Amino acid sequence: MNVWAAIYVRAVNYEEDKAAGQRPPFWGIGRGKEYALKAKKLAFCAVVSALSVLFLYLSYVIPTGKAALYTVSSVFLAAVVMETGARGGLLSYACVSILGLLLIPDKTFVLPFVLFFGYYPVVKQVCESRIKNRVLEYVVKFLWGNLAFWAVWFLARSLFSLVLENWSLWLFYLAVNVFFLIYDYAFSLLIHWYQTRIRSRIRF
């Protein structure tokens, strides 16, 4: 995998050099370390995305603990965001979502990942890195969480004719906000565990 990834990265950089009017360096000279670094990151993204797909599939197979499995699946993408940035995280999210839709027979098990869990690592990273005020950061994350909830609700009502009484809907809405608060806290703990226990062992 690393060899073909390096060839792919080299080809992309060759075309970029030509477009910029620069003389592309000979294979393995000048930018060899840069290509090797990009190849390692590409391989890392592929492996982590595969693990994310695995836990997404387990959410379909295992009858209980689906929220935990979705959370772990999204934490893998958080590792991609930390190592490659938001763009790499979004690309991995797209790949995992497409593979999940192709591999899992019941597509409804993929929707929570596609509509909420999958891209939350990018949302969390952007909010926590760009918003310095802690209170404002949580307000923005809760606003996004509420928008995601209502988007999922209207989609579920349209596709599956889901109907709830008003009091049931608002009770469910309150429960979702409590879950979001717990989820964000647990997500932060898992990211901290990755940074302290795993990240130091990954050398790019």
N, C-alpha and C. Protein backbone atom coordinates (compact mmCIF):
# COMPACT_ATOMS: atom_id res chain seq x y z
N MET A 1 0.83 -1.20 0.00
CA MET A 1 0.00 0.00 0.00
C MET A 1 0.86 1.26 0.00
N ASN A 2 1.92 1.27 0.80
CA ASN A 2 2.77 2.45 0.89
C ASN A 2 3.45 2.76 -0.43
N VAL A 3 3.86 1.71 -1.17
CA VAL A 3 4.53 1.92 -2.45
C VAL A 3 3.60 2.61 -3.43
N TRP A 4 2.36 2.08 -3.55
CA TRP A 4 1.43 2.66 -4.51
C TRP A 4 0.98 4.04 -4.06
N ALA A 5 0.86 4.25 -2.75
CA ALA A 5 0.51 5.58 -2.26
C ALA A 5 1.59 6.58 -2.60
N ALA A 6 2.85 6.17 -2.47
CA ALA A 6 3.97 7.06 -2.80
C ALA A 6 3.98 7.39 -4.29
N ILE A 7 3.68 6.40 -5.13
CA ILE A 7 3.63 6.64 -6.57
C ILE A 7 2.52 7.63 -6.90
N TYR A 8 1.37 7.46 -6.24
CA TYR A 8 0.24 8.36 -6.48
C TYR A 8 0.59 9.78 -6.07
N VAL A 9 1.15 9.95 -4.88
CA VAL A 9 1.52 11.28 -4.39
C VAL A 9 2.57 11.90 -5.30
N ARG A 10 3.53 11.10 -5.76
CA ARG A 10 4.57 11.62 -6.65
C ARG A 10 3.97 12.11 -7.96
N ALA A 11 3.01 11.38 -8.50
CA ALA A 11 2.38 11.78 -9.75
C ALA A 11 1.62 13.09 -9.60
N VAL A 12 0.90 13.22 -8.47
CA VAL A 12 0.16 14.47 -8.22
C VAL A 12 1.12 15.64 -8.11
N ASN A 13 2.21 15.48 -7.37
CA ASN A 13 3.17 16.56 -7.20
C ASN A 13 3.89 16.90 -8.51
N TYR A 14 4.10 15.89 -9.35
CA TYR A 14 4.74 16.12 -10.65
C TYR A 14 3.87 17.05 -11.49
N GLU A 15 2.56 16.78 -11.50
CA GLU A 15 1.66 17.63 -12.27
C GLU A 15 1.57 19.03 -11.67
N GLU A 16 1.61 19.13 -10.33
CA GLU A 16 1.57 20.44 -9.69
C GLU A 16 2.82 21.25 -10.04
N ASP A 17 3.99 20.60 -10.08
CA ASP A 17 5.22 21.28 -10.44
C ASP A 17 5.17 21.78 -11.88
N LYS A 18 4.65 20.95 -12.77
CA LYS A 18 4.55 21.34 -14.17
C LYS A 18 3.62 22.53 -14.33
N ALA A 19 2.47 22.50 -13.62
CA ALA A 19 1.50 23.59 -13.72
C ALA A 19 2.08 24.90 -13.17
N ALA A 20 2.96 24.78 -12.17
CA ALA A 20 3.56 25.98 -11.57
C ALA A 20 4.78 26.46 -12.35
N GLY A 21 5.15 25.76 -13.42
CA GLY A 21 6.29 26.15 -14.22
C GLY A 21 7.62 25.77 -13.62
N GLN A 22 7.61 24.87 -12.63
CA GLN A 22 8.85 24.44 -12.01
C GLN A 22 9.31 23.14 -12.65
N ARG A 23 10.60 22.91 -12.56
CA ARG A 23 11.16 21.68 -13.09
C ARG A 23 10.99 20.57 -12.07
N PRO A 24 10.20 19.55 -12.39
CA PRO A 24 9.98 18.48 -11.42
C PRO A 24 11.28 17.76 -11.10
N PRO A 25 11.55 17.51 -9.83
CA PRO A 25 12.77 16.80 -9.46
C PRO A 25 12.73 15.36 -9.90
N PHE A 26 13.91 14.79 -10.07
CA PHE A 26 14.00 13.38 -10.44
C PHE A 26 13.44 12.53 -9.31
N TRP A 27 12.88 11.38 -9.66
CA TRP A 27 12.27 10.47 -8.67
C TRP A 27 13.26 10.17 -7.53
N GLY A 28 12.79 10.42 -6.29
CA GLY A 28 13.60 10.06 -5.12
C GLY A 28 14.62 11.10 -4.75
N ILE A 29 14.71 12.21 -5.50
CA ILE A 29 15.71 13.23 -5.18
C ILE A 29 14.99 14.53 -4.83
N GLY A 30 15.42 15.16 -3.77
CA GLY A 30 14.92 16.49 -3.42
C GLY A 30 13.70 16.48 -2.53
N ARG A 31 12.71 15.72 -2.92
CA ARG A 31 11.46 15.74 -2.16
C ARG A 31 11.08 14.33 -1.70
N GLY A 32 12.05 13.46 -1.61
CA GLY A 32 11.77 12.08 -1.23
C GLY A 32 11.15 11.96 0.14
N LYS A 33 11.67 12.73 1.11
CA LYS A 33 11.12 12.66 2.46
C LYS A 33 9.68 13.18 2.49
N GLU A 34 9.42 14.22 1.69
CA GLU A 34 8.07 14.76 1.65
C GLU A 34 7.09 13.74 1.09
N TYR A 35 7.51 13.03 0.03
CA TYR A 35 6.64 12.01 -0.55
C TYR A 35 6.42 10.86 0.43
N ALA A 36 7.47 10.46 1.12
CA ALA A 36 7.35 9.38 2.09
C ALA A 36 6.39 9.76 3.21
N LEU A 37 6.47 11.03 3.65
CA LEU A 37 5.58 11.51 4.71
C LEU A 37 4.13 11.48 4.24
N LYS A 38 3.90 11.95 3.00
CA LYS A 38 2.54 11.95 2.47
C LYS A 38 2.02 10.53 2.28
N ALA A 39 2.91 9.63 1.87
CA ALA A 39 2.51 8.24 1.69
C ALA A 39 2.11 7.61 3.02
N LYS A 40 2.87 7.90 4.09
CA LYS A 40 2.55 7.37 5.42
C LYS A 40 1.21 7.90 5.90
N LYS A 41 0.97 9.19 5.68
CA LYS A 41 -0.30 9.77 6.10
C LYS A 41 -1.46 9.19 5.31
N LEU A 42 -1.24 8.94 4.02
CA LEU A 42 -2.28 8.35 3.19
C LEU A 42 -2.59 6.93 3.66
N ALA A 43 -1.55 6.17 3.98
CA ALA A 43 -1.74 4.81 4.49
C ALA A 43 -2.45 4.84 5.84
N PHE A 44 -2.07 5.80 6.69
CA PHE A 44 -2.71 5.94 8.00
C PHE A 44 -4.20 6.22 7.84
N CYS A 45 -4.55 7.13 6.94
CA CYS A 45 -5.95 7.46 6.70
C CYS A 45 -6.72 6.24 6.20
N ALA A 46 -6.08 5.44 5.33
CA ALA A 46 -6.75 4.25 4.80
C ALA A 46 -7.03 3.23 5.90
N VAL A 47 -6.05 2.99 6.77
CA VAL A 47 -6.22 2.02 7.85
C VAL A 47 -7.27 2.49 8.85
N VAL A 48 -7.18 3.76 9.26
CA VAL A 48 -8.12 4.29 10.24
C VAL A 48 -9.54 4.33 9.67
N SER A 49 -9.67 4.67 8.40
CA SER A 49 -10.99 4.68 7.78
C SER A 49 -11.58 3.28 7.72
N ALA A 50 -10.73 2.28 7.48
CA ALA A 50 -11.20 0.90 7.47
C ALA A 50 -11.71 0.49 8.85
N LEU A 51 -11.01 0.91 9.90
CA LEU A 51 -11.47 0.62 11.26
C LEU A 51 -12.80 1.32 11.56
N SER A 52 -12.95 2.53 11.05
CA SER A 52 -14.20 3.25 11.22
C SER A 52 -15.35 2.52 10.53
N VAL A 53 -15.10 2.00 9.33
CA VAL A 53 -16.12 1.23 8.62
C VAL A 53 -16.47 -0.04 9.40
N LEU A 54 -15.46 -0.67 10.01
CA LEU A 54 -15.69 -1.88 10.79
C LEU A 54 -16.65 -1.62 11.95
N PHE A 55 -16.41 -0.56 12.70
CA PHE A 55 -17.30 -0.27 13.83
C PHE A 55 -18.67 0.20 13.36
N LEU A 56 -18.71 0.84 12.21
CA LEU A 56 -20.00 1.22 11.65
C LEU A 56 -20.78 -0.03 11.26
N TYR A 57 -20.10 -1.02 10.74
CA TYR A 57 -20.76 -2.29 10.40
C TYR A 57 -21.21 -3.03 11.65
N LEU A 58 -20.41 -2.95 12.72
CA LEU A 58 -20.79 -3.59 13.98
C LEU A 58 -22.06 -2.98 14.55
N SER A 59 -22.29 -1.70 14.29
CA SER A 59 -23.53 -1.08 14.76
C SER A 59 -24.75 -1.70 14.09
N TYR A 60 -24.54 -2.28 12.92
CA TYR A 60 -25.62 -2.99 12.22
C TYR A 60 -25.78 -4.41 12.74
N VAL A 61 -24.66 -5.05 13.08
CA VAL A 61 -24.70 -6.46 13.49
C VAL A 61 -25.11 -6.61 14.94
N ILE A 62 -24.53 -5.78 15.84
CA ILE A 62 -24.77 -5.91 17.27
C ILE A 62 -26.06 -5.17 17.64
N PRO A 63 -26.97 -5.83 18.34
CA PRO A 63 -28.29 -5.22 18.61
C PRO A 63 -28.27 -4.10 19.64
N THR A 64 -27.27 -4.03 20.50
CA THR A 64 -27.25 -3.00 21.55
C THR A 64 -25.95 -2.19 21.46
N GLY A 65 -25.93 -1.08 22.21
CA GLY A 65 -24.72 -0.25 22.28
C GLY A 65 -24.39 0.48 21.00
N LYS A 66 -25.39 0.84 20.23
CA LYS A 66 -25.14 1.46 18.93
C LYS A 66 -24.51 2.84 19.08
N ALA A 67 -24.96 3.61 20.09
CA ALA A 67 -24.40 4.95 20.29
C ALA A 67 -22.91 4.87 20.57
N ALA A 68 -22.50 3.88 21.38
CA ALA A 68 -21.07 3.71 21.67
C ALA A 68 -20.29 3.33 20.42
N LEU A 69 -20.87 2.47 19.60
CA LEU A 69 -20.19 2.06 18.36
C LEU A 69 -20.07 3.22 17.38
N TYR A 70 -21.11 4.03 17.26
CA TYR A 70 -21.03 5.22 16.42
C TYR A 70 -19.96 6.19 16.94
N THR A 71 -19.89 6.31 18.27
CA THR A 71 -18.90 7.20 18.87
C THR A 71 -17.48 6.75 18.55
N VAL A 72 -17.22 5.46 18.73
CA VAL A 72 -15.88 4.93 18.44
C VAL A 72 -15.56 5.09 16.96
N SER A 73 -16.54 4.86 16.12
CA SER A 73 -16.33 5.01 14.68
C SER A 73 -15.94 6.45 14.33
N SER A 74 -16.55 7.43 15.01
CA SER A 74 -16.21 8.82 14.74
C SER A 74 -14.88 9.23 15.35
N VAL A 75 -14.48 8.57 16.46
CA VAL A 75 -13.19 8.88 17.08
C VAL A 75 -12.04 8.52 16.15
N PHE A 76 -12.19 7.45 15.39
CA PHE A 76 -11.16 7.11 14.41
C PHE A 76 -10.96 8.26 13.42
N LEU A 77 -12.05 8.89 13.01
CA LEU A 77 -11.92 10.02 12.09
C LEU A 77 -11.34 11.24 12.78
N ALA A 78 -11.53 11.34 14.10
CA ALA A 78 -10.90 12.42 14.84
C ALA A 78 -9.38 12.29 14.78
N ALA A 79 -8.89 11.04 14.80
CA ALA A 79 -7.45 10.82 14.66
C ALA A 79 -6.96 11.31 13.30
N VAL A 80 -7.76 11.09 12.26
CA VAL A 80 -7.40 11.58 10.92
C VAL A 80 -7.34 13.10 10.91
N VAL A 81 -8.32 13.75 11.57
CA VAL A 81 -8.34 15.21 11.63
C VAL A 81 -7.10 15.74 12.33
N MET A 82 -6.70 15.09 13.43
CA MET A 82 -5.52 15.54 14.18
C MET A 82 -4.24 15.37 13.39
N GLU A 83 -4.15 14.33 12.58
CA GLU A 83 -2.91 14.05 11.86
C GLU A 83 -2.83 14.71 10.49
N THR A 84 -3.98 14.94 9.85
CA THR A 84 -3.96 15.46 8.48
C THR A 84 -4.73 16.75 8.30
N GLY A 85 -5.52 17.15 9.30
CA GLY A 85 -6.29 18.37 9.18
C GLY A 85 -7.75 18.11 8.81
N ALA A 86 -8.53 19.19 8.76
CA ALA A 86 -9.97 19.08 8.49
C ALA A 86 -10.25 18.51 7.11
N ARG A 87 -9.44 18.87 6.12
CA ARG A 87 -9.67 18.35 4.77
C ARG A 87 -9.53 16.84 4.71
N GLY A 88 -8.48 16.32 5.35
CA GLY A 88 -8.31 14.87 5.39
C GLY A 88 -9.44 14.20 6.14
N GLY A 89 -9.92 14.85 7.22
CA GLY A 89 -11.04 14.29 7.96
C GLY A 89 -12.31 14.22 7.13
N LEU A 90 -12.58 15.26 6.34
CA LEU A 90 -13.77 15.26 5.49
C LEU A 90 -13.68 14.22 4.39
N LEU A 91 -12.48 14.05 3.83
CA LEU A 91 -12.30 13.03 2.78
C LEU A 91 -12.51 11.63 3.36
N SER A 92 -11.97 11.38 4.55
CA SER A 92 -12.17 10.08 5.20
C SER A 92 -13.64 9.87 5.55
N TYR A 93 -14.29 10.94 6.01
CA TYR A 93 -15.72 10.86 6.31
C TYR A 93 -16.52 10.47 5.07
N ALA A 94 -16.19 11.07 3.94
CA ALA A 94 -16.88 10.75 2.69
C ALA A 94 -16.64 9.28 2.30
N CYS A 95 -15.40 8.82 2.43
CA CYS A 95 -15.07 7.44 2.07
C CYS A 95 -15.81 6.44 2.96
N VAL A 96 -15.79 6.70 4.28
CA VAL A 96 -16.46 5.79 5.22
C VAL A 96 -17.97 5.78 4.97
N SER A 97 -18.53 6.94 4.70
CA SER A 97 -19.97 7.03 4.45
C SER A 97 -20.35 6.24 3.20
N ILE A 98 -19.58 6.41 2.14
CA ILE A 98 -19.88 5.69 0.89
C ILE A 98 -19.72 4.19 1.08
N LEU A 99 -18.63 3.77 1.73
CA LEU A 99 -18.43 2.34 1.96
C LEU A 99 -19.51 1.77 2.86
N GLY A 100 -19.92 2.54 3.86
CA GLY A 100 -20.99 2.08 4.74
C GLY A 100 -22.30 1.88 3.98
N LEU A 101 -22.62 2.82 3.10
CA LEU A 101 -23.84 2.69 2.30
C LEU A 101 -23.76 1.51 1.34
N LEU A 102 -22.56 1.19 0.87
CA LEU A 102 -22.40 0.07 -0.06
C LEU A 102 -22.40 -1.28 0.66
N LEU A 103 -21.83 -1.34 1.86
CA LEU A 103 -21.62 -2.63 2.53
C LEU A 103 -22.75 -3.02 3.48
N ILE A 104 -23.42 -2.05 4.07
CA ILE A 104 -24.45 -2.36 5.06
C ILE A 104 -25.80 -2.44 4.37
N PRO A 105 -26.47 -3.60 4.48
CA PRO A 105 -27.74 -3.77 3.75
C PRO A 105 -28.82 -2.78 4.17
N ASP A 106 -28.99 -2.55 5.47
CA ASP A 106 -30.01 -1.63 5.95
C ASP A 106 -29.39 -0.24 6.08
N LYS A 107 -29.73 0.64 5.16
CA LYS A 107 -29.09 1.96 5.09
C LYS A 107 -29.45 2.86 6.27
N THR A 108 -30.54 2.53 6.99
CA THR A 108 -30.91 3.36 8.13
C THR A 108 -29.86 3.32 9.23
N PHE A 109 -29.06 2.25 9.28
CA PHE A 109 -28.00 2.16 10.28
C PHE A 109 -26.81 3.06 9.93
N VAL A 110 -26.74 3.49 8.69
CA VAL A 110 -25.64 4.36 8.26
C VAL A 110 -26.01 5.84 8.44
N LEU A 111 -27.29 6.15 8.43
CA LEU A 111 -27.73 7.54 8.48
C LEU A 111 -27.23 8.30 9.71
N PRO A 112 -27.25 7.72 10.94
CA PRO A 112 -26.71 8.48 12.08
C PRO A 112 -25.26 8.89 11.89
N PHE A 113 -24.47 8.03 11.25
CA PHE A 113 -23.08 8.37 11.00
C PHE A 113 -22.98 9.46 9.94
N VAL A 114 -23.75 9.32 8.87
CA VAL A 114 -23.68 10.28 7.77
C VAL A 114 -24.16 11.66 8.21
N LEU A 115 -25.23 11.70 9.00
CA LEU A 115 -25.88 12.97 9.33
C LEU A 115 -25.37 13.61 10.62
N PHE A 116 -24.62 12.86 11.44
CA PHE A 116 -24.17 13.45 12.70
C PHE A 116 -22.77 13.02 13.11
N PHE A 117 -22.59 11.74 13.41
CA PHE A 117 -21.35 11.26 14.02
C PHE A 117 -20.14 11.40 13.10
N GLY A 118 -20.32 11.21 11.81
CA GLY A 118 -19.18 11.14 10.91
C GLY A 118 -18.39 12.43 10.78
N TYR A 119 -19.08 13.55 10.66
CA TYR A 119 -18.37 14.81 10.45
C TYR A 119 -18.23 15.63 11.73
N TYR A 120 -18.72 15.10 12.88
CA TYR A 120 -18.58 15.86 14.12
C TYR A 120 -17.12 16.11 14.51
N PRO A 121 -16.18 15.18 14.27
CA PRO A 121 -14.78 15.50 14.58
C PRO A 121 -14.28 16.78 13.93
N VAL A 122 -14.71 17.05 12.69
CA VAL A 122 -14.30 18.27 12.00
C VAL A 122 -14.96 19.48 12.66
N VAL A 123 -16.25 19.37 12.98
CA VAL A 123 -16.97 20.46 13.64
C VAL A 123 -16.32 20.78 14.99
N LYS A 124 -16.01 19.75 15.76
CA LYS A 124 -15.39 19.93 17.07
C LYS A 124 -14.02 20.58 16.95
N GLN A 125 -13.24 20.13 15.99
CA GLN A 125 -11.89 20.68 15.81
C GLN A 125 -11.95 22.15 15.41
N VAL A 126 -12.86 22.50 14.50
CA VAL A 126 -12.98 23.88 14.06
C VAL A 126 -13.44 24.77 15.20
N CYS A 127 -14.44 24.33 15.95
CA CYS A 127 -14.96 25.14 17.05
C CYS A 127 -13.91 25.35 18.14
N GLU A 128 -13.23 24.28 18.53
CA GLU A 128 -12.30 24.37 19.65
C GLU A 128 -10.98 25.04 19.28
N SER A 129 -10.64 25.08 18.00
CA SER A 129 -9.39 25.71 17.59
C SER A 129 -9.56 27.18 17.21
N ARG A 130 -10.76 27.56 16.80
CA ARG A 130 -10.97 28.92 16.31
C ARG A 130 -11.75 29.82 17.27
N ILE A 131 -12.53 29.22 18.16
CA ILE A 131 -13.31 30.01 19.11
C ILE A 131 -12.60 29.99 20.46
N LYS A 132 -12.12 31.12 20.87
CA LYS A 132 -11.31 31.20 22.10
C LYS A 132 -12.17 31.23 23.35
N ASN A 133 -13.37 31.77 23.25
CA ASN A 133 -14.27 31.85 24.39
C ASN A 133 -14.93 30.49 24.60
N ARG A 134 -14.75 29.90 25.77
CA ARG A 134 -15.26 28.55 26.04
C ARG A 134 -16.78 28.50 26.00
N VAL A 135 -17.42 29.53 26.57
CA VAL A 135 -18.88 29.55 26.58
C VAL A 135 -19.43 29.65 25.15
N LEU A 136 -18.86 30.56 24.36
CA LEU A 136 -19.29 30.72 22.97
C LEU A 136 -19.05 29.44 22.18
N GLU A 137 -17.96 28.76 22.48
CA GLU A 137 -17.65 27.49 21.80
C GLU A 137 -18.76 26.48 22.03
N TYR A 138 -19.21 26.33 23.28
CA TYR A 138 -20.29 25.38 23.58
C TYR A 138 -21.62 25.83 22.97
N VAL A 139 -21.85 27.14 22.95
CA VAL A 139 -23.08 27.64 22.34
C VAL A 139 -23.12 27.28 20.85
N VAL A 140 -22.01 27.47 20.16
CA VAL A 140 -21.95 27.16 18.73
C VAL A 140 -22.13 25.66 18.51
N LYS A 141 -21.48 24.84 19.34
CA LYS A 141 -21.61 23.39 19.18
C LYS A 141 -23.04 22.92 19.45
N PHE A 142 -23.69 23.52 20.45
CA PHE A 142 -25.07 23.15 20.74
C PHE A 142 -26.01 23.62 19.63
N LEU A 143 -25.75 24.80 19.07
CA LEU A 143 -26.57 25.26 17.95
C LEU A 143 -26.43 24.32 16.76
N TRP A 144 -25.19 23.91 16.49
CA TRP A 144 -25.00 22.96 15.39
C TRP A 144 -25.69 21.63 15.70
N GLY A 145 -25.56 21.15 16.95
CA GLY A 145 -26.21 19.90 17.33
C GLY A 145 -27.72 19.96 17.17
N ASN A 146 -28.31 21.11 17.53
CA ASN A 146 -29.76 21.26 17.39
C ASN A 146 -30.17 21.31 15.92
N LEU A 147 -29.39 21.99 15.09
CA LEU A 147 -29.69 22.00 13.66
C LEU A 147 -29.61 20.60 13.07
N ALA A 148 -28.59 19.84 13.50
CA ALA A 148 -28.47 18.46 13.03
C ALA A 148 -29.66 17.62 13.47
N PHE A 149 -30.10 17.83 14.71
CA PHE A 149 -31.26 17.07 15.23
C PHE A 149 -32.49 17.31 14.39
N TRP A 150 -32.81 18.60 14.13
CA TRP A 150 -34.02 18.90 13.38
C TRP A 150 -33.91 18.44 11.93
N ALA A 151 -32.70 18.48 11.38
CA ALA A 151 -32.52 17.97 10.01
C ALA A 151 -32.80 16.47 9.96
N VAL A 152 -32.28 15.74 10.96
CA VAL A 152 -32.52 14.29 11.02
C VAL A 152 -34.00 14.02 11.25
N TRP A 153 -34.64 14.81 12.10
CA TRP A 153 -36.05 14.60 12.40
C TRP A 153 -36.93 14.79 11.16
N PHE A 154 -36.73 15.89 10.44
CA PHE A 154 -37.54 16.14 9.24
C PHE A 154 -37.26 15.11 8.15
N LEU A 155 -36.02 14.65 8.07
CA LEU A 155 -35.69 13.61 7.09
C LEU A 155 -36.36 12.30 7.46
N ALA A 156 -36.30 11.93 8.75
CA ALA A 156 -36.93 10.68 9.19
C ALA A 156 -38.45 10.75 9.02
N ARG A 157 -39.03 11.91 9.30
CA ARG A 157 -40.48 12.05 9.14
C ARG A 157 -40.89 11.93 7.67
N SER A 158 -40.03 12.46 6.78
CA SER A 158 -40.36 12.41 5.35
C SER A 158 -40.17 11.01 4.77
N LEU A 159 -39.07 10.35 5.16
CA LEU A 159 -38.74 9.05 4.55
C LEU A 159 -39.50 7.90 5.18
N PHE A 160 -39.68 7.95 6.51
CA PHE A 160 -40.25 6.80 7.21
C PHE A 160 -41.61 7.08 7.83
N SER A 161 -42.20 8.25 7.52
CA SER A 161 -43.50 8.63 8.05
C SER A 161 -43.53 8.53 9.58
N LEU A 162 -42.46 8.97 10.20
CA LEU A 162 -42.35 8.91 11.66
C LEU A 162 -43.23 9.99 12.28
N VAL A 163 -44.04 9.58 13.25
CA VAL A 163 -44.97 10.51 13.90
C VAL A 163 -44.81 10.40 15.41
N LEU A 164 -44.68 11.55 16.08
CA LEU A 164 -44.60 11.60 17.54
C LEU A 164 -45.55 12.69 18.04
N GLU A 165 -46.12 12.44 19.22
CA GLU A 165 -46.91 13.48 19.87
C GLU A 165 -46.00 14.64 20.24
N ASN A 166 -46.59 15.81 20.39
CA ASN A 166 -45.79 17.00 20.70
C ASN A 166 -44.97 16.83 21.97
N TRP A 167 -45.60 16.28 23.03
CA TRP A 167 -44.87 16.13 24.29
C TRP A 167 -43.75 15.09 24.13
N SER A 168 -44.00 14.04 23.34
CA SER A 168 -42.97 13.03 23.11
C SER A 168 -41.80 13.60 22.32
N LEU A 169 -42.12 14.42 21.34
CA LEU A 169 -41.07 15.03 20.51
C LEU A 169 -40.18 15.93 21.35
N TRP A 170 -40.79 16.77 22.19
CA TRP A 170 -39.98 17.69 23.01
C TRP A 170 -39.21 16.95 24.10
N LEU A 171 -39.77 15.87 24.62
CA LEU A 171 -39.03 15.06 25.59
C LEU A 171 -37.84 14.39 24.92
N PHE A 172 -38.06 13.90 23.71
CA PHE A 172 -36.98 13.30 22.94
C PHE A 172 -35.92 14.35 22.60
N TYR A 173 -36.36 15.55 22.27
CA TYR A 173 -35.44 16.65 21.97
C TYR A 173 -34.56 16.99 23.18
N LEU A 174 -35.17 17.01 24.37
CA LEU A 174 -34.41 17.27 25.60
C LEU A 174 -33.40 16.15 25.84
N ALA A 175 -33.82 14.90 25.63
CA ALA A 175 -32.92 13.76 25.83
C ALA A 175 -31.74 13.82 24.86
N VAL A 176 -32.00 14.26 23.64
CA VAL A 176 -30.94 14.37 22.63
C VAL A 176 -29.90 15.40 23.06
N ASN A 177 -30.34 16.51 23.63
CA ASN A 177 -29.40 17.54 24.08
C ASN A 177 -28.55 17.06 25.26
N VAL A 178 -29.17 16.30 26.15
CA VAL A 178 -28.40 15.71 27.26
C VAL A 178 -27.38 14.72 26.71
N PHE A 179 -27.82 13.91 25.75
CA PHE A 179 -26.90 12.95 25.13
C PHE A 179 -25.75 13.68 24.43
N PHE A 180 -26.06 14.79 23.77
CA PHE A 180 -25.02 15.54 23.07
C PHE A 180 -23.96 16.05 24.04
N LEU A 181 -24.39 16.53 25.21
CA LEU A 181 -23.45 17.01 26.21
C LEU A 181 -22.55 15.88 26.70
N ILE A 182 -23.15 14.72 26.98
CA ILE A 182 -22.37 13.56 27.43
C ILE A 182 -21.44 13.07 26.32
N TYR A 183 -21.97 13.05 25.11
CA TYR A 183 -21.20 12.59 23.95
C TYR A 183 -19.97 13.46 23.72
N ASP A 184 -20.14 14.78 23.78
CA ASP A 184 -19.02 15.68 23.56
C ASP A 184 -17.96 15.51 24.63
N TYR A 185 -18.37 15.32 25.88
CA TYR A 185 -17.42 15.11 26.97
C TYR A 185 -16.67 13.79 26.79
N ALA A 186 -17.41 12.72 26.49
CA ALA A 186 -16.77 11.42 26.27
C ALA A 186 -15.84 11.46 25.07
N PHE A 187 -16.25 12.19 24.05
CA PHE A 187 -15.43 12.34 22.85
C PHE A 187 -14.10 13.01 23.18
N SER A 188 -14.16 14.04 24.03
CA SER A 188 -12.95 14.74 24.44
C SER A 188 -12.02 13.81 25.23
N LEU A 189 -12.59 12.96 26.08
CA LEU A 189 -11.79 12.01 26.85
C LEU A 189 -11.09 11.01 25.92
N LEU A 190 -11.81 10.53 24.92
CA LEU A 190 -11.22 9.58 23.98
C LEU A 190 -10.11 10.23 23.15
N ILE A 191 -10.31 11.48 22.76
CA ILE A 191 -9.27 12.20 22.03
C ILE A 191 -8.04 12.38 22.90
N HIS A 192 -8.25 12.72 24.19
CA HIS A 192 -7.12 12.87 25.12
C HIS A 192 -6.37 11.55 25.27
N TRP A 193 -7.11 10.45 25.34
CA TRP A 193 -6.47 9.12 25.45
C TRP A 193 -5.64 8.83 24.21
N TYR A 194 -6.16 9.18 23.04
CA TYR A 194 -5.40 8.97 21.81
C TYR A 194 -4.13 9.81 21.80
N GLN A 195 -4.24 11.06 22.20
CA GLN A 195 -3.08 11.96 22.19
C GLN A 195 -1.99 11.52 23.16
N THR A 196 -2.38 10.99 24.32
CA THR A 196 -1.39 10.63 25.35
C THR A 196 -0.87 9.21 25.20
N ARG A 197 -1.66 8.32 24.65
CA ARG A 197 -1.26 6.91 24.61
C ARG A 197 -0.89 6.40 23.21
N ILE A 198 -1.49 6.94 22.19
CA ILE A 198 -1.32 6.40 20.84
C ILE A 198 -0.50 7.30 19.94
N ARG A 199 -0.77 8.59 19.99
CA ARG A 199 -0.18 9.50 19.01
C ARG A 199 1.34 9.52 19.06
N SER A 200 1.90 9.40 20.25
CA SER A 200 3.36 9.44 20.38
C SER A 200 4.02 8.24 19.71
N ARG A 201 3.27 7.16 19.51
CA ARG A 201 3.81 5.96 18.87
C ARG A 201 3.70 5.99 17.36
N ILE A 202 2.97 6.97 16.85
CA ILE A 202 2.82 7.10 15.40
C ILE A 202 3.82 8.14 14.92
N ARG A 203 4.76 7.74 14.12
CA ARG A 203 5.80 8.65 13.67
C ARG A 203 5.64 8.95 12.19
N PHE A 204 5.36 10.21 11.89
CA PHE A 204 5.25 10.65 10.50
C PHE A 204 6.50 11.43 10.10
